[in-house]
All heavy atoms as atom14 arrays in JSON, in Angstrom:
{
  "sequence": "LYKYGNTSDGRGHSALWTFTSTGTGINTPVKAWDSGD",
  "atom14_mask": [
    [1, 1, 1, 1, 1, 1, 1, 1, 0, 0, 0, 0, 0, 0],
    [1, 1, 1, 1, 1, 1, 1, 1, 1, 1, 1, 1, 0, 0],
    [1, 1, 1, 1, 1, 1, 1, 1, 1, 0, 0, 0, 0, 0],
    [1, 1, 1, 1, 1, 1, 1, 1, 1, 1, 1, 1, 0, 0],
    [1, 1, 1, 1, 0, 0, 0, 0, 0, 0, 0, 0, 0, 0],
    [1, 1, 1, 1, 1, 1, 1, 1, 0, 0, 0, 0, 0, 0],
    [1, 1, 1, 1, 1, 1, 1, 0, 0, 0, 0, 0, 0, 0],
    [1, 1, 1, 1, 1, 1, 0, 0, 0, 0, 0, 0, 0, 0],
    [1, 1, 1, 1, 1, 1, 1, 1, 0, 0, 0, 0, 0, 0],
    [1, 1, 1, 1, 0, 0, 0, 0, 0, 0, 0, 0, 0, 0],
    [1, 1, 1, 1, 1, 1, 1, 1, 1, 1, 1, 0, 0, 0],
    [1, 1, 1, 1, 0, 0, 0, 0, 0, 0, 0, 0, 0, 0],
    [1, 1, 1, 1, 1, 1, 1, 1, 1, 1, 0, 0, 0, 0],
    [1, 1, 1, 1, 1, 1, 0, 0, 0, 0, 0, 0, 0, 0],
    [1, 1, 1, 1, 1, 0, 0, 0, 0, 0, 0, 0, 0, 0],
    [1, 1, 1, 1, 1, 1, 1, 1, 0, 0, 0, 0, 0, 0],
    [1, 1, 1, 1, 1, 1, 1, 1, 1, 1, 1, 1, 1, 1],
    [1, 1, 1, 1, 1, 1, 1, 0, 0, 0, 0, 0, 0, 0],
    [1, 1, 1, 1, 1, 1, 1, 1, 1, 1, 1, 0, 0, 0],
    [1, 1, 1, 1, 1, 1, 1, 0, 0, 0, 0, 0, 0, 0],
    [1, 1, 1, 1, 1, 1, 0, 0, 0, 0, 0, 0, 0, 0],
    [1, 1, 1, 1, 1, 1, 1, 0, 0, 0, 0, 0, 0, 0],
    [1, 1, 1, 1, 0, 0, 0, 0, 0, 0, 0, 0, 0, 0],
    [1, 1, 1, 1, 1, 1, 1, 0, 0, 0, 0, 0, 0, 0],
    [1, 1, 1, 1, 0, 0, 0, 0, 0, 0, 0, 0, 0, 0],
    [1, 1, 1, 1, 1, 1, 1, 1, 0, 0, 0, 0, 0, 0],
    [1, 1, 1, 1, 1, 1, 1, 1, 0, 0, 0, 0, 0, 0],
    [1, 1, 1, 1, 1, 1, 1, 0, 0, 0, 0, 0, 0, 0],
    [1, 1, 1, 1, 1, 1, 1, 0, 0, 0, 0, 0, 0, 0],
    [1, 1, 1, 1, 1, 1, 1, 0, 0, 0, 0, 0, 0, 0],
    [1, 1, 1, 1, 1, 1, 1, 1, 1, 0, 0, 0, 0, 0],
    [1, 1, 1, 1, 1, 0, 0, 0, 0, 0, 0, 0, 0, 0],
    [1, 1, 1, 1, 1, 1, 1, 1, 1, 1, 1, 1, 1, 1],
    [1, 1, 1, 1, 1, 1, 1, 1, 0, 0, 0, 0, 0, 0],
    [1, 1, 1, 1, 1, 1, 0, 0, 0, 0, 0, 0, 0, 0],
    [1, 1, 1, 1, 0, 0, 0, 0, 0, 0, 0, 0, 0, 0],
    [1, 1, 1, 1, 1, 1, 1, 1, 0, 0, 0, 0, 0, 0]
  ],
  "atom14_positions": [
    [[-141.74, 45.8, 37.56], [-142.38, 46.15, 36.27], [-141.46, 47.16, 35.65], [-141.1, 48.23, 36.3], [-143.68, 46.75, 36.38], [-144.54, 47.0, 35.08], [-144.81, 45.77, 34.31], [-145.8, 47.66, 35.47], [0.0, 0.0, 0.0], [0.0, 0.0, 0.0], [0.0, 0.0, 0.0], [0.0, 0.0, 0.0], [0.0, 0.0, 0.0], [0.0, 0.0, 0.0]],
    [[-140.86, 46.99, 34.48], [-139.9, 47.78, 33.85], [-140.38, 48.4, 32.64], [-140.94, 47.83, 31.71], [-138.64, 47.02, 33.5], [-137.46, 47.85, 33.1], [-136.7, 48.44, 34.12], [-137.17, 48.03, 31.84], [-135.6, 49.19, 33.79], [-136.04, 48.83, 31.4], [-135.3, 49.39, 32.4], [-134.21, 50.19, 32.03], [0.0, 0.0, 0.0], [0.0, 0.0, 0.0]],
    [[-140.2, 49.73, 32.46], [-140.62, 50.55, 31.32], [-139.62, 50.72, 30.31], [-138.38, 51.11, 30.56], [-140.96, 51.9, 31.77], [-141.35, 52.96, 30.73], [-141.59, 54.28, 31.28], [-141.73, 55.35, 30.18], [-142.06, 56.61, 30.88], [0.0, 0.0, 0.0], [0.0, 0.0, 0.0], [0.0, 0.0, 0.0], [0.0, 0.0, 0.0], [0.0, 0.0, 0.0]],
    [[-139.86, 50.18, 29.02], [-138.88, 50.24, 28.03], [-139.15, 51.51, 27.25], [-138.15, 52.0, 26.64], [-139.0, 49.08, 27.09], [-138.45, 47.86, 27.64], [-139.29, 46.97, 28.34], [-137.09, 47.66, 27.66], [-138.75, 45.85, 28.86], [-136.48, 46.54, 28.35], [-137.37, 45.59, 28.88], [-136.88, 44.47, 29.54], [0.0, 0.0, 0.0], [0.0, 0.0, 0.0]],
    [[-140.26, 52.18, 27.27], [-140.45, 53.46, 26.61], [-141.92, 53.57, 26.07], [-142.64, 52.54, 25.92], [0.0, 0.0, 0.0], [0.0, 0.0, 0.0], [0.0, 0.0, 0.0], [0.0, 0.0, 0.0], [0.0, 0.0, 0.0], [0.0, 0.0, 0.0], [0.0, 0.0, 0.0], [0.0, 0.0, 0.0], [0.0, 0.0, 0.0], [0.0, 0.0, 0.0]],
    [[-142.36, 54.78, 25.8], [-143.73, 54.96, 25.28], [-143.56, 55.48, 23.88], [-142.6, 56.1, 23.36], [-144.43, 55.97, 26.07], [-144.82, 55.52, 27.46], [-144.86, 54.35, 27.69], [-145.29, 56.45, 28.28], [0.0, 0.0, 0.0], [0.0, 0.0, 0.0], [0.0, 0.0, 0.0], [0.0, 0.0, 0.0], [0.0, 0.0, 0.0], [0.0, 0.0, 0.0]],
    [[-144.56, 55.15, 23.0], [-144.65, 55.66, 21.66], [-145.07, 57.12, 21.74], [-145.51, 57.61, 22.78], [-145.58, 54.77, 20.9], [-146.97, 54.9, 21.42], [-145.21, 53.4, 20.78], [0.0, 0.0, 0.0], [0.0, 0.0, 0.0], [0.0, 0.0, 0.0], [0.0, 0.0, 0.0], [0.0, 0.0, 0.0], [0.0, 0.0, 0.0], [0.0, 0.0, 0.0]],
    [[-145.09, 57.77, 20.63], [-145.41, 59.16, 20.54], [-146.85, 59.41, 20.98], [-147.25, 60.47, 21.51], [-145.12, 59.75, 19.21], [-145.93, 58.97, 18.22], [0.0, 0.0, 0.0], [0.0, 0.0, 0.0], [0.0, 0.0, 0.0], [0.0, 0.0, 0.0], [0.0, 0.0, 0.0], [0.0, 0.0, 0.0], [0.0, 0.0, 0.0], [0.0, 0.0, 0.0]],
    [[-147.69, 58.39, 20.8], [-149.14, 58.51, 21.19], [-149.42, 58.1, 22.69], [-150.58, 57.95, 23.1], [-150.09, 57.81, 20.23], [-149.93, 56.37, 20.14], [-148.85, 55.93, 20.8], [-150.64, 55.76, 19.37], [0.0, 0.0, 0.0], [0.0, 0.0, 0.0], [0.0, 0.0, 0.0], [0.0, 0.0, 0.0], [0.0, 0.0, 0.0], [0.0, 0.0, 0.0]],
    [[-148.25, 57.73, 23.37], [-148.4, 57.46, 24.86], [-148.5, 55.93, 25.17], [-148.6, 55.57, 26.26], [0.0, 0.0, 0.0], [0.0, 0.0, 0.0], [0.0, 0.0, 0.0], [0.0, 0.0, 0.0], [0.0, 0.0, 0.0], [0.0, 0.0, 0.0], [0.0, 0.0, 0.0], [0.0, 0.0, 0.0], [0.0, 0.0, 0.0], [0.0, 0.0, 0.0]],
    [[-148.68, 55.05, 24.13], [-148.77, 53.63, 24.4], [-147.33, 53.15, 24.77], [-146.32, 53.72, 24.3], [-149.37, 52.9, 23.22], [-150.81, 53.29, 22.98], [-151.45, 52.58, 21.83], [-150.72, 53.02, 20.68], [-150.7, 52.39, 19.54], [-151.34, 51.28, 19.43], [-150.05, 52.92, 18.39], [0.0, 0.0, 0.0], [0.0, 0.0, 0.0], [0.0, 0.0, 0.0]],
    [[-147.28, 52.04, 25.46], [-146.03, 51.66, 25.95], [-145.46, 50.17, 25.73], [-146.31, 49.39, 25.31], [0.0, 0.0, 0.0], [0.0, 0.0, 0.0], [0.0, 0.0, 0.0], [0.0, 0.0, 0.0], [0.0, 0.0, 0.0], [0.0, 0.0, 0.0], [0.0, 0.0, 0.0], [0.0, 0.0, 0.0], [0.0, 0.0, 0.0], [0.0, 0.0, 0.0]],
    [[-144.25, 49.99, 26.13], [-143.74, 48.61, 26.15], [-143.18, 48.38, 27.53], [-142.27, 49.11, 27.97], [-142.69, 48.57, 25.02], [-142.06, 47.09, 25.0], [-140.83, 46.93, 24.36], [-142.21, 45.94, 25.6], [-140.49, 45.72, 24.37], [-141.31, 45.1, 25.25], [0.0, 0.0, 0.0], [0.0, 0.0, 0.0], [0.0, 0.0, 0.0], [0.0, 0.0, 0.0]],
    [[-143.77, 47.39, 28.24], [-143.25, 47.14, 29.64], [-143.01, 45.72, 29.72], [-143.42, 44.8, 28.94], [-144.29, 47.55, 30.63], [-144.59, 48.87, 30.46], [0.0, 0.0, 0.0], [0.0, 0.0, 0.0], [0.0, 0.0, 0.0], [0.0, 0.0, 0.0], [0.0, 0.0, 0.0], [0.0, 0.0, 0.0], [0.0, 0.0, 0.0], [0.0, 0.0, 0.0]],
    [[-142.29, 45.24, 30.75], [-141.95, 43.87, 31.06], [-142.0, 43.71, 32.59], [-141.55, 44.61, 33.32], [-140.64, 43.4, 30.48], [0.0, 0.0, 0.0], [0.0, 0.0, 0.0], [0.0, 0.0, 0.0], [0.0, 0.0, 0.0], [0.0, 0.0, 0.0], [0.0, 0.0, 0.0], [0.0, 0.0, 0.0], [0.0, 0.0, 0.0], [0.0, 0.0, 0.0]],
    [[-142.46, 42.55, 33.06], [-142.26, 42.08, 34.39], [-141.21, 41.2, 34.57], [-141.01, 40.21, 33.96], [-143.57, 41.46, 34.82], [-143.67, 41.07, 36.39], [-143.73, 42.31, 37.27], [-145.02, 40.35, 36.64], [0.0, 0.0, 0.0], [0.0, 0.0, 0.0], [0.0, 0.0, 0.0], [0.0, 0.0, 0.0], [0.0, 0.0, 0.0], [0.0, 0.0, 0.0]],
    [[-140.26, 41.61, 35.44], [-139.01, 40.85, 35.73], [-139.11, 40.28, 37.18], [-139.66, 40.98, 38.06], [-137.73, 41.68, 35.73], [-137.47, 42.14, 34.33], [-138.04, 43.2, 33.55], [-136.44, 41.57, 33.42], [-137.52, 43.33, 32.35], [-136.42, 42.34, 32.23], [-135.53, 40.6, 33.45], [-135.57, 42.06, 31.24], [-134.67, 40.29, 32.52], [-134.65, 41.12, 31.35]],
    [[-138.57, 39.12, 37.55], [-138.55, 38.62, 38.81], [-136.97, 38.38, 39.23], [-136.21, 37.99, 38.42], [-139.28, 37.24, 39.07], [-138.67, 36.31, 38.13], [-140.77, 37.47, 38.91], [0.0, 0.0, 0.0], [0.0, 0.0, 0.0], [0.0, 0.0, 0.0], [0.0, 0.0, 0.0], [0.0, 0.0, 0.0], [0.0, 0.0, 0.0], [0.0, 0.0, 0.0]],
    [[-136.77, 38.8, 40.44], [-135.47, 38.67, 41.08], [-135.63, 37.6, 42.26], [-136.24, 38.04, 43.27], [-134.94, 39.85, 41.77], [-134.69, 41.07, 40.82], [-135.69, 41.8, 40.24], [-133.38, 41.41, 40.56], [-135.47, 42.88, 39.42], [-133.17, 42.58, 39.72], [-134.17, 43.27, 39.16], [0.0, 0.0, 0.0], [0.0, 0.0, 0.0], [0.0, 0.0, 0.0]],
    [[-135.42, 36.3, 42.1], [-135.71, 35.33, 43.11], [-134.52, 35.33, 44.1], [-133.36, 35.32, 43.82], [-136.03, 33.96, 42.5], [-134.91, 33.6, 41.68], [-137.17, 33.99, 41.62], [0.0, 0.0, 0.0], [0.0, 0.0, 0.0], [0.0, 0.0, 0.0], [0.0, 0.0, 0.0], [0.0, 0.0, 0.0], [0.0, 0.0, 0.0], [0.0, 0.0, 0.0]],
    [[-134.99, 34.95, 45.4], [-134.04, 34.93, 46.49], [-133.44, 33.6, 46.47], [-133.98, 32.49, 46.12], [-134.79, 35.15, 47.86], [-133.87, 34.85, 48.88], [0.0, 0.0, 0.0], [0.0, 0.0, 0.0], [0.0, 0.0, 0.0], [0.0, 0.0, 0.0], [0.0, 0.0, 0.0], [0.0, 0.0, 0.0], [0.0, 0.0, 0.0], [0.0, 0.0, 0.0]],
    [[-132.17, 33.53, 46.8], [-131.38, 32.24, 47.11], [-131.34, 31.85, 48.59], [-130.82, 30.78, 48.81], [-129.94, 32.33, 46.55], [-129.24, 33.35, 47.32], [-129.92, 32.74, 45.05], [0.0, 0.0, 0.0], [0.0, 0.0, 0.0], [0.0, 0.0, 0.0], [0.0, 0.0, 0.0], [0.0, 0.0, 0.0], [0.0, 0.0, 0.0], [0.0, 0.0, 0.0]],
    [[-131.72, 32.79, 49.37], [-131.61, 32.67, 50.88], [-130.38, 33.47, 51.32], [-130.42, 33.9, 52.57], [0.0, 0.0, 0.0], [0.0, 0.0, 0.0], [0.0, 0.0, 0.0], [0.0, 0.0, 0.0], [0.0, 0.0, 0.0], [0.0, 0.0, 0.0], [0.0, 0.0, 0.0], [0.0, 0.0, 0.0], [0.0, 0.0, 0.0], [0.0, 0.0, 0.0]],
    [[-129.39, 33.62, 50.51], [-128.28, 34.29, 50.98], [-127.96, 35.48, 49.95], [-127.12, 36.3, 50.12], [-126.95, 33.55, 51.07], [-126.73, 32.82, 49.79], [-127.06, 32.41, 52.11], [0.0, 0.0, 0.0], [0.0, 0.0, 0.0], [0.0, 0.0, 0.0], [0.0, 0.0, 0.0], [0.0, 0.0, 0.0], [0.0, 0.0, 0.0], [0.0, 0.0, 0.0]],
    [[-128.72, 35.58, 48.93], [-128.62, 36.56, 47.9], [-129.81, 36.61, 46.97], [-130.89, 36.0, 47.24], [0.0, 0.0, 0.0], [0.0, 0.0, 0.0], [0.0, 0.0, 0.0], [0.0, 0.0, 0.0], [0.0, 0.0, 0.0], [0.0, 0.0, 0.0], [0.0, 0.0, 0.0], [0.0, 0.0, 0.0], [0.0, 0.0, 0.0], [0.0, 0.0, 0.0]],
    [[-129.68, 37.23, 45.85], [-130.66, 37.36, 44.8], [-130.11, 36.86, 43.51], [-128.93, 37.38, 43.06], [-131.14, 38.91, 44.77], [-131.67, 39.42, 46.06], [-132.11, 39.01, 43.59], [-133.06, 38.87, 46.44], [0.0, 0.0, 0.0], [0.0, 0.0, 0.0], [0.0, 0.0, 0.0], [0.0, 0.0, 0.0], [0.0, 0.0, 0.0], [0.0, 0.0, 0.0]],
    [[-130.86, 36.09, 42.82], [-130.55, 35.64, 41.47], [-130.62, 36.8, 40.46], [-131.39, 37.8, 40.74], [-131.43, 34.5, 41.07], [-131.24, 33.22, 41.65], [-130.08, 32.82, 41.84], [-132.17, 32.59, 42.17], [0.0, 0.0, 0.0], [0.0, 0.0, 0.0], [0.0, 0.0, 0.0], [0.0, 0.0, 0.0], [0.0, 0.0, 0.0], [0.0, 0.0, 0.0]],
    [[-129.89, 36.74, 39.4], [-130.05, 37.57, 38.22], [-131.43, 37.66, 37.79], [-132.13, 36.6, 37.82], [-129.12, 37.14, 37.1], [-127.77, 37.07, 37.53], [-129.21, 38.05, 35.96], [0.0, 0.0, 0.0], [0.0, 0.0, 0.0], [0.0, 0.0, 0.0], [0.0, 0.0, 0.0], [0.0, 0.0, 0.0], [0.0, 0.0, 0.0], [0.0, 0.0, 0.0]],
    [[-132.03, 38.87, 37.42], [-133.47, 39.0, 37.05], [-133.78, 38.1, 35.88], [-132.97, 38.03, 34.93], [-133.59, 40.48, 36.93], [-132.26, 41.02, 36.68], [-131.29, 40.11, 37.42], [0.0, 0.0, 0.0], [0.0, 0.0, 0.0], [0.0, 0.0, 0.0], [0.0, 0.0, 0.0], [0.0, 0.0, 0.0], [0.0, 0.0, 0.0], [0.0, 0.0, 0.0]],
    [[-134.96, 37.57, 35.79], [-135.51, 36.85, 34.75], [-136.8, 37.55, 34.23], [-137.67, 37.92, 34.98], [-135.83, 35.44, 35.11], [-136.52, 34.63, 33.96], [-134.54, 34.61, 35.56], [0.0, 0.0, 0.0], [0.0, 0.0, 0.0], [0.0, 0.0, 0.0], [0.0, 0.0, 0.0], [0.0, 0.0, 0.0], [0.0, 0.0, 0.0], [0.0, 0.0, 0.0]],
    [[-136.89, 37.78, 32.87], [-138.08, 38.35, 32.29], [-139.19, 37.31, 32.37], [-139.15, 36.32, 31.7], [-137.81, 38.83, 30.92], [-138.9, 39.63, 30.36], [-138.78, 40.07, 28.94], [-137.6, 40.79, 28.67], [-137.48, 41.37, 27.21], [0.0, 0.0, 0.0], [0.0, 0.0, 0.0], [0.0, 0.0, 0.0], [0.0, 0.0, 0.0], [0.0, 0.0, 0.0]],
    [[-140.19, 37.69, 33.18], [-141.36, 36.69, 33.37], [-142.56, 36.94, 32.46], [-143.3, 36.14, 32.06], [-141.79, 36.79, 34.8], [0.0, 0.0, 0.0], [0.0, 0.0, 0.0], [0.0, 0.0, 0.0], [0.0, 0.0, 0.0], [0.0, 0.0, 0.0], [0.0, 0.0, 0.0], [0.0, 0.0, 0.0], [0.0, 0.0, 0.0], [0.0, 0.0, 0.0]],
    [[-142.53, 38.26, 31.97], [-143.7, 38.61, 31.01], [-143.3, 39.81, 30.22], [-142.5, 40.79, 30.79], [-144.87, 38.9, 31.86], [-146.02, 39.54, 31.05], [-146.88, 38.81, 30.18], [-146.47, 40.85, 30.89], [-147.8, 39.79, 29.58], [-147.58, 40.96, 30.01], [-145.94, 42.05, 31.58], [-148.12, 42.24, 29.73], [-146.61, 43.28, 31.28], [-147.65, 43.28, 30.3]],
    [[-143.64, 40.02, 28.96], [-143.3, 41.13, 28.16], [-144.56, 41.52, 27.38], [-145.25, 40.65, 26.82], [-142.18, 40.73, 27.09], [-141.59, 41.87, 26.48], [-142.41, 42.76, 25.9], [-140.39, 42.1, 26.51], [0.0, 0.0, 0.0], [0.0, 0.0, 0.0], [0.0, 0.0, 0.0], [0.0, 0.0, 0.0], [0.0, 0.0, 0.0], [0.0, 0.0, 0.0]],
    [[-144.89, 42.84, 27.51], [-146.1, 43.33, 26.95], [-146.05, 43.39, 25.41], [-147.09, 43.43, 24.78], [-146.49, 44.69, 27.45], [-145.55, 45.61, 26.92], [0.0, 0.0, 0.0], [0.0, 0.0, 0.0], [0.0, 0.0, 0.0], [0.0, 0.0, 0.0], [0.0, 0.0, 0.0], [0.0, 0.0, 0.0], [0.0, 0.0, 0.0], [0.0, 0.0, 0.0]],
    [[-144.92, 43.4, 24.87], [-144.7, 43.74, 23.41], [-144.95, 45.29, 23.3], [-145.2, 45.97, 24.11], [0.0, 0.0, 0.0], [0.0, 0.0, 0.0], [0.0, 0.0, 0.0], [0.0, 0.0, 0.0], [0.0, 0.0, 0.0], [0.0, 0.0, 0.0], [0.0, 0.0, 0.0], [0.0, 0.0, 0.0], [0.0, 0.0, 0.0], [0.0, 0.0, 0.0]],
    [[-144.62, 45.75, 21.99], [-144.75, 47.11, 21.75], [-146.2, 47.6, 21.7], [-147.13, 46.81, 21.25], [-144.13, 47.38, 20.36], [-142.63, 47.29, 20.37], [-142.11, 47.56, 21.43], [-142.01, 47.07, 19.36], [0.0, 0.0, 0.0], [0.0, 0.0, 0.0], [0.0, 0.0, 0.0], [0.0, 0.0, 0.0], [0.0, 0.0, 0.0], [0.0, 0.0, 0.0]]
  ]
}
């Protein structure tokens, strides 16, 4: 869960990223969900 920042009144913008395993490494992260501002 990644924090992009909060507004001046404390509300935020976050996104959930997944880093999937290849068995020998980890794939580049993919944004799975974005809360919006």
